[in-house]
Amino acid sequence: MAYDIIDRLELYGKEDVLSFLAESVSERERKKGQLHKVFAESFDAKGIYSEKFFAQKLDYIHHNPVSGKWQLVDDYTKYEHSSASFYERGEVKKYAPFDFRIL
């Protein structure tokens, strides 16, 4: 996904964003050949080894758009960028690619 993001930014000439992402690369990462830092480091990654744990995480992800500070929709299955409607009702949505021209 990071490569696609960089490709889009280059396509739309977003040099300011590309420069910011390049400045975010550590010296150690740069020595390995990394040019841009698209995603922040995450140290809380956990492997999913059971169906119960998978269901818990999927439920958490699906309910994010309607919880806490977000409140993006009134029904979590209606959030445009979520797979919740597929898992809950079998509905398949078409997702539009992110448009970097708005950056």
PDB file of N, CA and C in Angstrom:
ATOM      1  N   MET A   1       0.824  -1.173   0.000  1.00  0.00           N
ATOM      2  CA  MET A   1       0.000   0.000   0.000  1.00  0.00           C
ATOM      3  C   MET A   1       0.882   1.255   0.000  1.00  0.00           C
ATOM      4  N   ALA A   2       1.974   1.213   0.751  1.00  0.00           N
ATOM      5  CA  ALA A   2       2.852   2.377   0.825  1.00  0.00           C
ATOM      6  C   ALA A   2       3.407   2.739  -0.554  1.00  0.00           C
ATOM      7  N   TYR A   3       3.768   1.722  -1.337  1.00  0.00           N
ATOM      8  CA  TYR A   3       4.286   1.995  -2.679  1.00  0.00           C
ATOM      9  C   TYR A   3       3.229   2.681  -3.542  1.00  0.00           C
ATOM     10  N   ASP A   4       1.993   2.233  -3.431  1.00  0.00           N
ATOM     11  CA  ASP A   4       0.903   2.858  -4.192  1.00  0.00           C
ATOM     12  C   ASP A   4       0.693   4.314  -3.769  1.00  0.00           C
ATOM     13  N   ILE A   5       0.785   4.571  -2.484  1.00  0.00           N
ATOM     14  CA  ILE A   5       0.628   5.947  -1.987  1.00  0.00           C
ATOM     15  C   ILE A   5       1.724   6.836  -2.551  1.00  0.00           C
ATOM     16  N   ILE A   6       2.959   6.356  -2.497  1.00  0.00           N
ATOM     17  CA  ILE A   6       4.088   7.129  -3.044  1.00  0.00           C
ATOM     18  C   ILE A   6       3.901   7.349  -4.543  1.00  0.00           C
ATOM     19  N   ASP A   7       3.499   6.311  -5.270  1.00  0.00           N
ATOM     20  CA  ASP A   7       3.262   6.448  -6.720  1.00  0.00           C
ATOM     21  C   ASP A   7       2.225   7.527  -7.010  1.00  0.00           C
ATOM     22  N   ARG A   8       1.134   7.555  -6.243  1.00  0.00           N
ATOM     23  CA  ARG A   8       0.088   8.569  -6.458  1.00  0.00           C
ATOM     24  C   ARG A   8       0.599   9.967  -6.145  1.00  0.00           C
ATOM     25  N   LEU A   9       1.341  10.082  -5.064  1.00  0.00           N
ATOM     26  CA  LEU A   9       1.887  11.394  -4.708  1.00  0.00           C
ATOM     27  C   LEU A   9       2.821  11.894  -5.797  1.00  0.00           C
ATOM     28  N   GLU A  10       3.630  10.999  -6.354  1.00  0.00           N
ATOM     29  CA  GLU A  10       4.522  11.375  -7.452  1.00  0.00           C
ATOM     30  C   GLU A  10       3.714  11.751  -8.689  1.00  0.00           C
ATOM     31  N   LEU A  11       2.686  10.968  -8.991  1.00  0.00           N
ATOM     32  CA  LEU A  11       1.830  11.226 -10.147  1.00  0.00           C
ATOM     33  C   LEU A  11       1.217  12.621 -10.080  1.00  0.00           C
ATOM     34  N   TYR A  12       0.758  13.015  -8.895  1.00  0.00           N
ATOM     35  CA  TYR A  12       0.121  14.325  -8.736  1.00  0.00           C
ATOM     36  C   TYR A  12       1.092  15.430  -8.337  1.00  0.00           C
ATOM     37  N   GLY A  13       2.387  15.140  -8.348  1.00  0.00           N
ATOM     38  CA  GLY A  13       3.397  16.163  -8.100  1.00  0.00           C
ATOM     39  C   GLY A  13       3.365  16.748  -6.697  1.00  0.00           C
ATOM     40  N   LYS A  14       3.033  15.935  -5.709  1.00  0.00           N
ATOM     41  CA  LYS A  14       2.945  16.413  -4.323  1.00  0.00           C
ATOM     42  C   LYS A  14       4.322  16.360  -3.664  1.00  0.00           C
ATOM     43  N   GLU A  15       5.234  17.203  -4.166  1.00  0.00           N
ATOM     44  CA  GLU A  15       6.619  17.213  -3.693  1.00  0.00           C
ATOM     45  C   GLU A  15       6.724  17.574  -2.215  1.00  0.00           C
ATOM     46  N   ASP A  16       5.837  18.445  -1.722  1.00  0.00           N
ATOM     47  CA  ASP A  16       5.892  18.827  -0.312  1.00  0.00           C
ATOM     48  C   ASP A  16       5.596  17.638   0.590  1.00  0.00           C
ATOM     49  N   VAL A  17       4.611  16.829   0.215  1.00  0.00           N
ATOM     50  CA  VAL A  17       4.262  15.647   1.007  1.00  0.00           C
ATOM     51  C   VAL A  17       5.365  14.596   0.882  1.00  0.00           C
ATOM     52  N   LEU A  18       5.894  14.407  -0.326  1.00  0.00           N
ATOM     53  CA  LEU A  18       6.979  13.454  -0.529  1.00  0.00           C
ATOM     54  C   LEU A  18       8.208  13.842   0.281  1.00  0.00           C
ATOM     55  N   SER A  19       8.515  15.132   0.329  1.00  0.00           N
ATOM     56  CA  SER A  19       9.654  15.606   1.127  1.00  0.00           C
ATOM     57  C   SER A  19       9.444  15.330   2.603  1.00  0.00           C
ATOM     58  N   PHE A  20       8.243  15.586   3.084  1.00  0.00           N
ATOM     59  CA  PHE A  20       7.925  15.312   4.491  1.00  0.00           C
ATOM     60  C   PHE A  20       8.108  13.828   4.799  1.00  0.00           C
ATOM     61  N   LEU A  21       7.593  12.971   3.923  1.00  0.00           N
ATOM     62  CA  LEU A  21       7.714  11.532   4.131  1.00  0.00           C
ATOM     63  C   LEU A  21       9.168  11.067   4.038  1.00  0.00           C
ATOM     64  N   ALA A  22       9.961  11.723   3.199  1.00  0.00           N
ATOM     65  CA  ALA A  22      11.381  11.384   3.086  1.00  0.00           C
ATOM     66  C   ALA A  22      12.140  11.806   4.343  1.00  0.00           C
ATOM     67  N   GLU A  23      11.783  12.943   4.901  1.00  0.00           N
ATOM     68  CA  GLU A  23      12.447  13.431   6.119  1.00  0.00           C
ATOM     69  C   GLU A  23      12.123  12.556   7.327  1.00  0.00           C
ATOM     70  N   SER A  24      11.045  11.801   7.253  1.00  0.00           N
ATOM     71  CA  SER A  24      10.619  10.942   8.360  1.00  0.00           C
ATOM     72  C   SER A  24      11.377   9.622   8.425  1.00  0.00           C
ATOM     73  N   VAL A  25      12.197   9.326   7.420  1.00  0.00           N
ATOM     74  CA  VAL A  25      12.954   8.071   7.377  1.00  0.00           C
ATOM     75  C   VAL A  25      14.181   8.202   8.277  1.00  0.00           C
ATOM     76  N   SER A  26      14.368   7.234   9.162  1.00  0.00           N
ATOM     77  CA  SER A  26      15.530   7.252  10.050  1.00  0.00           C
ATOM     78  C   SER A  26      16.792   6.904   9.262  1.00  0.00           C
ATOM     79  N   GLU A  27      17.932   7.218   9.826  1.00  0.00           N
ATOM     80  CA  GLU A  27      19.207   6.915   9.175  1.00  0.00           C
ATOM     81  C   GLU A  27      19.355   5.405   8.956  1.00  0.00           C
ATOM     82  N   ARG A  28      18.954   4.651   9.938  1.00  0.00           N
ATOM     83  CA  ARG A  28      19.019   3.187   9.836  1.00  0.00           C
ATOM     84  C   ARG A  28      18.159   2.680   8.683  1.00  0.00           C
ATOM     85  N   GLU A  29      16.936   3.211   8.560  1.00  0.00           N
ATOM     86  CA  GLU A  29      16.039   2.813   7.468  1.00  0.00           C
ATOM     87  C   GLU A  29      16.585   3.264   6.122  1.00  0.00           C
ATOM     88  N   ARG A  30      17.188   4.453   6.108  1.00  0.00           N
ATOM     89  CA  ARG A  30      17.752   4.990   4.869  1.00  0.00           C
ATOM     90  C   ARG A  30      18.879   4.087   4.354  1.00  0.00           C
ATOM     91  N   LYS A  31      19.694   3.569   5.294  1.00  0.00           N
ATOM     92  CA  LYS A  31      20.790   2.672   4.915  1.00  0.00           C
ATOM     93  C   LYS A  31      20.273   1.379   4.302  1.00  0.00           C
ATOM     94  N   LYS A  32      19.072   0.981   4.666  1.00  0.00           N
ATOM     95  CA  LYS A  32      18.444  -0.223   4.101  1.00  0.00           C
ATOM     96  C   LYS A  32      17.783   0.054   2.760  1.00  0.00           C
ATOM     97  N   GLY A  33      17.750   1.334   2.367  1.00  0.00           N
ATOM     98  CA  GLY A  33      17.176   1.686   1.078  1.00  0.00           C
ATOM     99  C   GLY A  33      15.790   2.298   1.126  1.00  0.00           C
ATOM    100  N   GLN A  34      15.259   2.503   2.336  1.00  0.00           N
ATOM    101  CA  GLN A  34      13.926   3.105   2.437  1.00  0.00           C
ATOM    102  C   GLN A  34      14.007   4.587   2.096  1.00  0.00           C
ATOM    103  N   LEU A  35      13.102   5.059   1.247  1.00  0.00           N
ATOM    104  CA  LEU A  35      13.099   6.442   0.801  1.00  0.00           C
ATOM    105  C   LEU A  35      12.038   7.295   1.475  1.00  0.00           C
ATOM    106  N   HIS A  36      10.934   6.670   1.862  1.00  0.00           N
ATOM    107  CA  HIS A  36       9.819   7.402   2.475  1.00  0.00           C
ATOM    108  C   HIS A  36       9.273   6.620   3.661  1.00  0.00           C
ATOM    109  N   LYS A  37       8.757   7.332   4.631  1.00  0.00           N
ATOM    110  CA  LYS A  37       8.110   6.713   5.799  1.00  0.00           C
ATOM    111  C   LYS A  37       6.638   7.082   5.723  1.00  0.00           C
ATOM    112  N   VAL A  38       5.826   6.159   5.223  1.00  0.00           N
ATOM    113  CA  VAL A  38       4.409   6.419   5.005  1.00  0.00           C
ATOM    114  C   VAL A  38       3.596   6.160   6.271  1.00  0.00           C
ATOM    115  N   PHE A  39       3.926   5.086   6.979  1.00  0.00           N
ATOM    116  CA  PHE A  39       3.161   4.692   8.163  1.00  0.00           C
ATOM    117  C   PHE A  39       3.999   4.835   9.422  1.00  0.00           C
ATOM    118  N   ALA A  40       3.340   5.210  10.512  1.00  0.00           N
ATOM    119  CA  ALA A  40       4.008   5.310  11.808  1.00  0.00           C
ATOM    120  C   ALA A  40       4.285   3.909  12.344  1.00  0.00           C
ATOM    121  N   GLU A  41       5.353   3.787  13.125  1.00  0.00           N
ATOM    122  CA  GLU A  41       5.675   2.515  13.755  1.00  0.00           C
ATOM    123  C   GLU A  41       4.561   2.117  14.712  1.00  0.00           C
ATOM    124  N   SER A  42       4.318   0.837  14.801  1.00  0.00           N
ATOM    125  CA  SER A  42       3.308   0.331  15.722  1.00  0.00           C
ATOM    126  C   SER A  42       3.925  -0.816  16.513  1.00  0.00           C
ATOM    127  N   PHE A  43       3.895  -0.681  17.806  1.00  0.00           N
ATOM    128  CA  PHE A  43       4.507  -1.697  18.647  1.00  0.00           C
ATOM    129  C   PHE A  43       3.475  -2.567  19.338  1.00  0.00           C
ATOM    130  N   ASP A  44       2.231  -2.442  18.985  1.00  0.00           N
ATOM    131  CA  ASP A  44       1.191  -3.218  19.650  1.00  0.00           C
ATOM    132  C   ASP A  44       0.577  -4.283  18.734  1.00  0.00           C
ATOM    133  N   ALA A  45       1.304  -4.645  17.699  1.00  0.00           N
ATOM    134  CA  ALA A  45       0.795  -5.662  16.781  1.00  0.00           C
ATOM    135  C   ALA A  45       0.726  -7.014  17.486  1.00  0.00           C
ATOM    136  N   LYS A  46      -0.365  -7.718  17.242  1.00  0.00           N
ATOM    137  CA  LYS A  46      -0.559  -9.037  17.840  1.00  0.00           C
ATOM    138  C   LYS A  46      -1.001 -10.003  16.757  1.00  0.00           C
ATOM    139  N   GLY A  47      -0.456 -11.175  16.800  1.00  0.00           N
ATOM    140  CA  GLY A  47      -0.858 -12.213  15.856  1.00  0.00           C
ATOM    141  C   GLY A  47      -2.256 -12.709  16.165  1.00  0.00           C
ATOM    142  N   ILE A  48      -2.974 -13.088  15.125  1.00  0.00           N
ATOM    143  CA  ILE A  48      -4.321 -13.612  15.310  1.00  0.00           C
ATOM    144  C   ILE A  48      -4.251 -15.121  15.120  1.00  0.00           C
ATOM    145  N   TYR A  49      -4.483 -15.837  16.221  1.00  0.00           N
ATOM    146  CA  TYR A  49      -4.350 -17.287  16.198  1.00  0.00           C
ATOM    147  C   TYR A  49      -5.655 -18.017  16.507  1.00  0.00           C
ATOM    148  N   SER A  50      -6.726 -17.272  16.711  1.00  0.00           N
ATOM    149  CA  SER A  50      -7.999 -17.940  16.968  1.00  0.00           C
ATOM    150  C   SER A  50      -9.126 -17.178  16.281  1.00  0.00           C
ATOM    151  N   GLU A  51     -10.168 -17.891  15.997  1.00  0.00           N
ATOM    152  CA  GLU A  51     -11.338 -17.280  15.369  1.00  0.00           C
ATOM    153  C   GLU A  51     -11.982 -16.252  16.307  1.00  0.00           C
ATOM    154  N   LYS A  52     -11.976 -16.549  17.593  1.00  0.00           N
ATOM    155  CA  LYS A  52     -12.558 -15.634  18.581  1.00  0.00           C
ATOM    156  C   LYS A  52     -11.811 -14.298  18.591  1.00  0.00           C
ATOM    157  N   PHE A  53     -10.485 -14.349  18.576  1.00  0.00           N
ATOM    158  CA  PHE A  53      -9.680 -13.126  18.587  1.00  0.00           C
ATOM    159  C   PHE A  53      -9.887 -12.350  17.285  1.00  0.00           C
ATOM    160  N   PHE A  54      -9.964 -13.065  16.160  1.00  0.00           N
ATOM    161  CA  PHE A  54     -10.226 -12.430  14.870  1.00  0.00           C
ATOM    162  C   PHE A  54     -11.561 -11.694  14.899  1.00  0.00           C
ATOM    163  N   ALA A  55     -12.604 -12.365  15.402  1.00  0.00           N
ATOM    164  CA  ALA A  55     -13.938 -11.756  15.472  1.00  0.00           C
ATOM    165  C   ALA A  55     -13.922 -10.514  16.362  1.00  0.00           C
ATOM    166  N   GLN A  56     -13.189 -10.572  17.458  1.00  0.00           N
ATOM    167  CA  GLN A  56     -13.093  -9.427  18.370  1.00  0.00           C
ATOM    168  C   GLN A  56     -12.457  -8.233  17.660  1.00  0.00           C
ATOM    169  N   LYS A  57     -11.366  -8.456  16.950  1.00  0.00           N
ATOM    170  CA  LYS A  57     -10.660  -7.364  16.258  1.00  0.00           C
ATOM    171  C   LYS A  57     -11.493  -6.821  15.101  1.00  0.00           C
ATOM    172  N   LEU A  58     -12.138  -7.694  14.356  1.00  0.00           N
ATOM    173  CA  LEU A  58     -12.970  -7.250  13.246  1.00  0.00           C
ATOM    174  C   LEU A  58     -14.141  -6.412  13.753  1.00  0.00           C
ATOM    175  N   ASP A  59     -14.746  -6.833  14.850  1.00  0.00           N
ATOM    176  CA  ASP A  59     -15.837  -6.081  15.466  1.00  0.00           C
ATOM    177  C   ASP A  59     -15.356  -4.694  15.904  1.00  0.00           C
ATOM    178  N   TYR A  60     -14.174  -4.650  16.488  1.00  0.00           N
ATOM    179  CA  TYR A  60     -13.587  -3.370  16.920  1.00  0.00           C
ATOM    180  C   TYR A  60     -13.390  -2.439  15.719  1.00  0.00           C
ATOM    181  N   ILE A  61     -12.812  -2.973  14.660  1.00  0.00           N
ATOM    182  CA  ILE A  61     -12.554  -2.172  13.455  1.00  0.00           C
ATOM    183  C   ILE A  61     -13.872  -1.674  12.852  1.00  0.00           C
ATOM    184  N   HIS A  62     -14.849  -2.544  12.758  1.00  0.00           N
ATOM    185  CA  HIS A  62     -16.129  -2.170  12.158  1.00  0.00           C
ATOM    186  C   HIS A  62     -16.877  -1.115  12.969  1.00  0.00           C
ATOM    187  N   HIS A  63     -16.715  -1.120  14.267  1.00  0.00           N
ATOM    188  CA  HIS A  63     -17.442  -0.163  15.103  1.00  0.00           C
ATOM    189  C   HIS A  63     -16.714   1.168  15.303  1.00  0.00           C
ATOM    190  N   ASN A  64     -15.468   1.277  14.879  1.00  0.00           N
ATOM    191  CA  ASN A  64     -14.724   2.537  15.028  1.00  0.00           C
ATOM    192  C   ASN A  64     -15.438   3.751  14.431  1.00  0.00           C
ATOM    193  N   PRO A  65     -16.006   3.648  13.219  1.00  0.00           N
ATOM    194  CA  PRO A  65     -16.640   4.830  12.623  1.00  0.00           C
ATOM    195  C   PRO A  65     -17.823   5.389  13.409  1.00  0.00           C
ATOM    196  N   VAL A  66     -18.400   4.598  14.306  1.00  0.00           N
ATOM    197  CA  VAL A  66     -19.575   5.069  15.054  1.00  0.00           C
ATOM    198  C   VAL A  66     -19.287   5.254  16.542  1.00  0.00           C
ATOM    199  N   SER A  67     -18.033   5.099  16.931  1.00  0.00           N
ATOM    200  CA  SER A  67     -17.722   5.168  18.360  1.00  0.00           C
ATOM    201  C   SER A  67     -16.890   6.396  18.705  1.00  0.00           C
ATOM    202  N   GLY A  68     -16.860   6.702  19.979  1.00  0.00           N
ATOM    203  CA  GLY A  68     -16.009   7.760  20.501  1.00  0.00           C
ATOM    204  C   GLY A  68     -16.110   9.065  19.756  1.00  0.00           C
ATOM    205  N   LYS A  69     -14.959   9.594  19.408  1.00  0.00           N
ATOM    206  CA  LYS A  69     -14.903  10.916  18.773  1.00  0.00           C
ATOM    207  C   LYS A  69     -15.320  10.906  17.307  1.00  0.00           C
ATOM    208  N   TRP A  70     -15.361   9.734  16.676  1.00  0.00           N
ATOM    209  CA  TRP A  70     -15.587   9.694  15.237  1.00  0.00           C
ATOM    210  C   TRP A  70     -17.025   9.999  14.857  1.00  0.00           C
ATOM    211  N   GLN A  71     -17.968   9.186  15.226  1.00  0.00           N
ATOM    212  CA  GLN A  71     -19.381   9.391  14.890  1.00  0.00           C
ATOM    213  C   GLN A  71     -19.574   9.749  13.403  1.00  0.00           C
ATOM    214  N   LEU A  72     -18.965   8.969  12.526  1.00  0.00           N
ATOM    215  CA  LEU A  72     -19.018   9.254  11.085  1.00  0.00           C
ATOM    216  C   LEU A  72     -20.331   8.836  10.439  1.00  0.00           C
ATOM    217  N   VAL A  73     -20.968   7.845  11.000  1.00  0.00           N
ATOM    218  CA  VAL A  73     -22.264   7.377  10.507  1.00  0.00           C
ATOM    219  C   VAL A  73     -23.091   6.927  11.698  1.00  0.00           C
ATOM    220  N   ASP A  74     -24.389   6.783  11.482  1.00  0.00           N
ATOM    221  CA  ASP A  74     -25.245   6.339  12.591  1.00  0.00           C
ATOM    222  C   ASP A  74     -25.326   4.814  12.677  1.00  0.00           C
ATOM    223  N   ASP A  75     -24.974   4.121  11.605  1.00  0.00           N
ATOM    224  CA  ASP A  75     -25.002   2.657  11.573  1.00  0.00           C
ATOM    225  C   ASP A  75     -23.662   2.185  11.011  1.00  0.00           C
ATOM    226  N   TYR A  76     -22.919   1.406  11.776  1.00  0.00           N
ATOM    227  CA  TYR A  76     -21.572   1.017  11.372  1.00  0.00           C
ATOM    228  C   TYR A  76     -21.544   0.254  10.048  1.00  0.00           C
ATOM    229  N   THR A  77     -22.632  -0.371   9.659  1.00  0.00           N
ATOM    230  CA  THR A  77     -22.646  -1.083   8.378  1.00  0.00           C
ATOM    231  C   THR A  77     -22.810  -0.135   7.194  1.00  0.00           C
ATOM    232  N   LYS A  78     -23.128   1.110   7.464  1.00  0.00           N
ATOM    233  CA  LYS A  78     -23.305   2.095   6.387  1.00  0.00           C
ATOM    234  C   LYS A  78     -22.034   2.894   6.091  1.00  0.00           C
ATOM    235  N   TYR A  79     -20.981   2.700   6.892  1.00  0.00           N
ATOM    236  CA  TYR A  79     -19.742   3.445   6.628  1.00  0.00           C
ATOM    237  C   TYR A  79     -19.162   2.977   5.295  1.00  0.00           C
ATOM    238  N   GLU A  80     -18.965   3.918   4.395  1.00  0.00           N
ATOM    239  CA  GLU A  80     -18.594   3.636   3.005  1.00  0.00           C
ATOM    240  C   GLU A  80     -17.316   2.803   2.860  1.00  0.00           C
ATOM    241  N   HIS A  81     -16.349   3.012   3.730  1.00  0.00           N
ATOM    242  CA  HIS A  81     -15.037   2.368   3.581  1.00  0.00           C
ATOM    243  C   HIS A  81     -14.869   1.158   4.494  1.00  0.00           C
ATOM    244  N   SER A  82     -15.958   0.577   4.920  1.00  0.00           N
ATOM    245  CA  SER A  82     -15.908  -0.563   5.830  1.00  0.00           C
ATOM    246  C   SER A  82     -16.427  -1.820   5.156  1.00  0.00           C
ATOM    247  N   SER A  83     -15.909  -2.940   5.606  1.00  0.00           N
ATOM    248  CA  SER A  83     -16.409  -4.227   5.117  1.00  0.00           C
ATOM    249  C   SER A  83     -17.555  -4.747   5.980  1.00  0.00           C
ATOM    250  N   ALA A  84     -18.013  -3.962   6.937  1.00  0.00           N
ATOM    251  CA  ALA A  84     -19.052  -4.411   7.874  1.00  0.00           C
ATOM    252  C   ALA A  84     -20.318  -4.866   7.155  1.00  0.00           C
ATOM    253  N   SER A  85     -20.727  -4.158   6.121  1.00  0.00           N
ATOM    254  CA  SER A  85     -21.964  -4.543   5.427  1.00  0.00           C
ATOM    255  C   SER A  85     -21.810  -5.903   4.740  1.00  0.00           C
ATOM    256  N   PHE A  86     -20.590  -6.238   4.333  1.00  0.00           N
ATOM    257  CA  PHE A  86     -20.349  -7.553   3.740  1.00  0.00           C
ATOM    258  C   PHE A  86     -20.493  -8.644   4.796  1.00  0.00           C
ATOM    259  N   TYR A  87     -19.851  -8.425   5.945  1.00  0.00           N
ATOM    260  CA  TYR A  87     -19.893  -9.431   7.002  1.00  0.00           C
ATOM    261  C   TYR A  87     -21.272  -9.552   7.637  1.00  0.00           C
ATOM    262  N   GLU A  88     -21.986  -8.459   7.719  1.00  0.00           N
ATOM    263  CA  GLU A  88     -23.298  -8.484   8.371  1.00  0.00           C
ATOM    264  C   GLU A  88     -24.443  -8.871   7.428  1.00  0.00           C
ATOM    265  N   ARG A  89     -24.382  -8.377   6.162  1.00  0.00           N
ATOM    266  CA  ARG A  89     -25.511  -8.584   5.245  1.00  0.00           C
ATOM    267  C   ARG A  89     -25.123  -9.184   3.894  1.00  0.00           C
ATOM    268  N   GLY A  90     -23.847  -9.458   3.699  1.00  0.00           N
ATOM    269  CA  GLY A  90     -23.405 -10.030   2.429  1.00  0.00           C
ATOM    270  C   GLY A  90     -23.361  -9.040   1.290  1.00  0.00           C
ATOM    271  N   GLU A  91     -23.452  -7.745   1.575  1.00  0.00           N
ATOM    272  CA  GLU A  91     -23.430  -6.703   0.538  1.00  0.00           C
ATOM    273  C   GLU A  91     -21.991  -6.406   0.132  1.00  0.00           C
ATOM    274  N   VAL A  92     -21.776  -6.337  -1.162  1.00  0.00           N
ATOM    275  CA  VAL A  92     -20.453  -6.011  -1.688  1.00  0.00           C
ATOM    276  C   VAL A  92     -20.483  -4.574  -2.172  1.00  0.00           C
ATOM    277  N   LYS A  93     -19.530  -3.769  -1.685  1.00  0.00           N
ATOM    278  CA  LYS A  93     -19.463  -2.356  -2.087  1.00  0.00           C
ATOM    279  C   LYS A  93     -18.302  -2.146  -3.047  1.00  0.00           C
ATOM    280  N   LYS A  94     -18.416  -1.105  -3.846  1.00  0.00           N
ATOM    281  CA  LYS A  94     -17.304  -0.680  -4.688  1.00  0.00           C
ATOM    282  C   LYS A  94     -16.644   0.482  -3.971  1.00  0.00           C
ATOM    283  N   TYR A  95     -15.362   0.371  -3.733  1.00  0.00           N
ATOM    284  CA  TYR A  95     -14.638   1.422  -3.031  1.00  0.00           C
ATOM    285  C   TYR A  95     -13.871   2.273  -4.033  1.00  0.00           C
ATOM    286  N   ALA A  96     -13.998   3.579  -3.887  1.00  0.00           N
ATOM    287  CA  ALA A  96     -13.268   4.506  -4.745  1.00  0.00           C
ATOM    288  C   ALA A  96     -11.856   4.659  -4.192  1.00  0.00           C
ATOM    289  N   PRO A  97     -10.840   4.682  -5.055  1.00  0.00           N
ATOM    290  CA  PRO A  97      -9.478   4.885  -4.559  1.00  0.00           C
ATOM    291  C   PRO A  97      -9.328   6.275  -3.965  1.00  0.00           C
ATOM    292  N   PHE A  98      -8.445   6.398  -2.995  1.00  0.00           N
ATOM    293  CA  PHE A  98      -8.189   7.688  -2.365  1.00  0.00           C
ATOM    294  C   PHE A  98      -7.657   8.662  -3.404  1.00  0.00           C
ATOM    295  N   ASP A  99      -8.166   9.846  -3.419  1.00  0.00           N
ATOM    296  CA  ASP A  99      -7.771  10.855  -4.390  1.00  0.00           C
ATOM    297  C   ASP A  99      -6.755  11.795  -3.746  1.00  0.00           C
ATOM    298  N   PHE A 100      -5.486  11.677  -4.133  1.00  0.00           N
ATOM    299  CA  PHE A 100      -4.434  12.484  -3.524  1.00  0.00           C
ATOM    300  C   PHE A 100      -4.441  13.928  -4.009  1.00  0.00           C
ATOM    301  N   ARG A 101      -5.271  14.237  -4.993  1.00  0.00           N
ATOM    302  CA  ARG A 101      -5.324  15.626  -5.440  1.00  0.00           C
ATOM    303  C   ARG A 101      -5.876  16.544  -4.361  1.00  0.00           C
ATOM    304  N   ILE A 102      -6.541  15.988  -3.342  1.00  0.00           N
ATOM    305  CA  ILE A 102      -7.098  16.823  -2.296  1.00  0.00           C
ATOM    306  C   ILE A 102      -6.071  17.196  -1.240  1.00  0.00           C
ATOM    307  N   LEU A 103      -4.888  16.551  -1.272  1.00  0.00           N
ATOM    308  CA  LEU A 103      -3.863  16.857  -0.271  1.00  0.00           C
ATOM    309  C   LEU A 103      -3.290  18.241  -0.451  1.00  0.00           C
TER     310      LEU A 103
END
